[in-house]
Amino acid sequence: MIETVKYTLKIWLTAVVISSLVVSIVFNSSSFSNLIELFFLITVCALIFSFATWIIFCLGVYLILKQNTTAKGQKVAILLLSIILALATTGFVLTGFESSAFKDGSFLVFAAPYIVCLAAGIHFYNLPNLYIDHQENSTTC
């Protein structure tokens, strides 16, 4: 489980930091100092509001990795899980699922960079090897 926590933590933190930077650059029309302040504000908010999502993501990834499927299949399942969780979190935090921003899809301006960063992190970072867990479970049963 520790390897799964490390893997998901790397993906989550990478996505939070890079997507916060992208959103800060897109929405900053002022000076460089305002960009830095906006970046830190968005990063802190993203860390706070997505912490529970990271825990769910970590548990989901652990369950996916426990399955005897190919690494490619596991990465696709992890990607789908991350997209669903990112859309749900962004939609809920920014719109509460009731405002017009959710209905017209404008919240995707914030979700898209996060989803792209999650996908890149899932592709970039190596899956933790849980084969040992499979082997131990098969010998103890």
Protein backbone atom coordinates (compact mmCIF):
# COMPACT_ATOMS: atom_id res chain seq x y z
CA MET A 1 0.00 0.00 0.00
CA ILE A 2 2.92 2.35 0.72
CA GLU A 3 4.07 2.13 -2.92
CA THR A 4 0.55 3.01 -4.07
CA VAL A 5 0.48 6.02 -1.75
CA LYS A 6 3.83 7.22 -3.14
CA TYR A 7 2.65 6.70 -6.73
CA THR A 8 -0.64 8.54 -6.29
CA LEU A 9 0.99 11.29 -4.24
CA LYS A 10 3.45 12.00 -7.06
CA ILE A 11 0.64 12.14 -9.61
CA TRP A 12 -1.62 14.27 -7.40
CA LEU A 13 1.05 16.81 -6.38
CA THR A 14 2.37 17.12 -9.93
CA ALA A 15 -1.14 17.75 -11.24
CA VAL A 16 -1.97 20.27 -8.52
CA VAL A 17 1.21 22.30 -8.97
CA ILE A 18 1.38 22.33 -12.78
CA SER A 19 -2.34 22.88 -13.34
CA SER A 20 -2.33 25.68 -10.75
CA LEU A 21 0.49 27.33 -12.66
CA VAL A 22 -1.38 27.00 -15.97
CA VAL A 23 -4.60 28.42 -14.52
CA SER A 24 -2.64 31.25 -12.87
CA ILE A 25 -0.99 32.18 -16.16
CA VAL A 26 -4.30 32.06 -18.04
CA PHE A 27 -6.16 34.25 -15.54
CA ASN A 28 -3.35 36.67 -14.65
CA SER A 29 -3.44 39.92 -16.57
CA SER A 30 -1.22 41.88 -14.21
CA SER A 31 2.34 41.80 -13.01
CA PHE A 32 4.63 38.91 -12.22
CA SER A 33 4.14 39.43 -8.47
CA ASN A 34 0.39 39.02 -8.93
CA LEU A 35 1.07 35.81 -10.86
CA ILE A 36 3.05 34.40 -7.94
CA GLU A 37 0.36 35.35 -5.43
CA LEU A 38 -2.38 33.89 -7.63
CA PHE A 39 -0.35 30.72 -8.15
CA PHE A 40 0.11 30.16 -4.40
CA LEU A 41 -3.54 30.91 -3.70
CA ILE A 42 -4.78 28.50 -6.36
CA THR A 43 -2.26 25.84 -5.28
CA VAL A 44 -3.30 26.02 -1.61
CA CYS A 45 -6.99 25.90 -2.54
CA ALA A 46 -6.40 22.98 -4.89
CA LEU A 47 -4.49 21.05 -2.22
CA ILE A 48 -7.22 21.63 0.36
CA PHE A 49 -10.19 20.89 -1.89
CA SER A 50 -8.66 17.87 -3.58
CA PHE A 51 -7.21 16.12 -0.52
CA ALA A 52 -10.26 13.91 -0.01
CA THR A 53 -10.24 13.13 -3.73
CA TRP A 54 -6.61 12.05 -3.47
CA ILE A 55 -7.51 9.60 -0.69
CA ILE A 56 -10.29 8.11 -2.84
CA PHE A 57 -7.90 8.06 -5.81
CA CYS A 58 -5.27 6.26 -3.73
CA LEU A 59 -7.70 3.57 -2.61
CA GLY A 60 -9.06 3.19 -6.15
CA VAL A 61 -5.58 2.83 -7.61
CA TYR A 62 -4.68 0.26 -4.97
CA LEU A 63 -7.73 -1.81 -5.89
CA ILE A 64 -6.95 -1.47 -9.60
CA LEU A 65 -3.33 -2.54 -9.09
CA LYS A 66 -4.41 -5.59 -7.10
CA GLN A 67 -6.16 -6.92 -10.22
CA ASN A 68 -4.23 -9.34 -12.42
CA THR A 69 -4.37 -7.22 -15.57
CA THR A 70 -1.74 -5.75 -17.85
CA ALA A 71 0.05 -2.54 -16.95
CA LYS A 72 -1.61 -0.85 -19.91
CA GLY A 73 -5.05 -1.94 -18.71
CA GLN A 74 -4.27 -0.72 -15.21
CA LYS A 75 -3.13 2.67 -16.50
CA VAL A 76 -6.30 3.06 -18.57
CA ALA A 77 -8.45 2.21 -15.53
CA ILE A 78 -6.46 4.65 -13.38
CA LEU A 79 -6.86 7.34 -16.04
CA LEU A 80 -10.63 6.84 -16.18
CA LEU A 81 -10.83 6.96 -12.38
CA SER A 82 -8.78 10.15 -12.28
CA ILE A 83 -10.93 11.86 -14.93
CA ILE A 84 -14.14 11.02 -13.08
CA LEU A 85 -12.74 12.19 -9.74
CA ALA A 86 -11.27 15.38 -11.23
CA LEU A 87 -14.54 16.33 -12.93
CA ALA A 88 -16.57 15.57 -9.82
CA THR A 89 -14.26 17.52 -7.52
CA THR A 90 -13.89 20.52 -9.82
CA GLY A 91 -17.59 20.61 -10.55
CA PHE A 92 -18.55 20.37 -6.91
CA VAL A 93 -15.99 22.86 -5.58
CA LEU A 94 -16.52 25.49 -8.25
CA THR A 95 -20.22 25.18 -8.85
CA GLY A 96 -21.88 23.01 -6.23
CA PHE A 97 -23.50 21.08 -9.12
CA GLU A 98 -26.34 23.59 -9.25
CA SER A 99 -25.13 26.79 -10.87
CA SER A 100 -25.06 27.68 -14.52
CA ALA A 101 -21.28 27.17 -14.64
CA PHE A 102 -21.81 23.46 -14.17
CA LYS A 103 -24.70 23.28 -16.59
CA ASP A 104 -22.92 25.13 -19.39
CA GLY A 105 -19.59 23.39 -18.74
CA SER A 106 -17.52 26.51 -18.07
CA PHE A 107 -16.00 24.83 -15.00
CA LEU A 108 -14.02 22.74 -17.50
CA VAL A 109 -11.64 25.70 -17.85
CA PHE A 110 -10.33 24.71 -14.42
CA ALA A 111 -10.77 20.95 -14.81
CA ALA A 112 -9.02 20.57 -18.18
CA PRO A 113 -5.48 21.50 -17.06
CA TYR A 114 -5.85 19.28 -14.01
CA ILE A 115 -7.05 16.33 -16.12
CA VAL A 116 -4.24 16.79 -18.66
CA CYS A 117 -1.68 16.89 -15.82
CA LEU A 118 -3.19 13.79 -14.23
CA ALA A 119 -3.02 11.94 -17.54
CA ALA A 120 0.59 13.01 -18.06
CA GLY A 121 1.51 11.92 -14.53
CA ILE A 122 -0.16 8.55 -14.98
CA HIS A 123 1.75 8.08 -18.23
CA PHE A 124 5.07 9.44 -16.89
CA TYR A 125 5.33 7.73 -13.50
CA ASN A 126 5.92 3.98 -13.34
CA LEU A 127 3.25 1.81 -11.78
CA PRO A 128 4.18 0.36 -8.40
CA ASN A 129 4.88 -3.35 -8.60
CA LEU A 130 2.29 -5.22 -6.55
CA TYR A 131 3.19 -8.60 -8.00
CA ILE A 132 4.71 -9.56 -4.64
CA ASP A 133 1.32 -8.97 -3.00
CA HIS A 134 -0.35 -11.25 -5.58
CA GLN A 135 2.26 -13.92 -4.97
CA GLU A 136 1.90 -13.73 -1.19
CA ASN A 137 -1.90 -13.89 -1.40
CA SER A 138 -1.82 -16.92 -3.67
CA THR A 139 0.51 -18.89 -1.35
CA THR A 140 -1.35 -18.13 1.85
CA CYS A 141 -4.81 -19.12 0.66
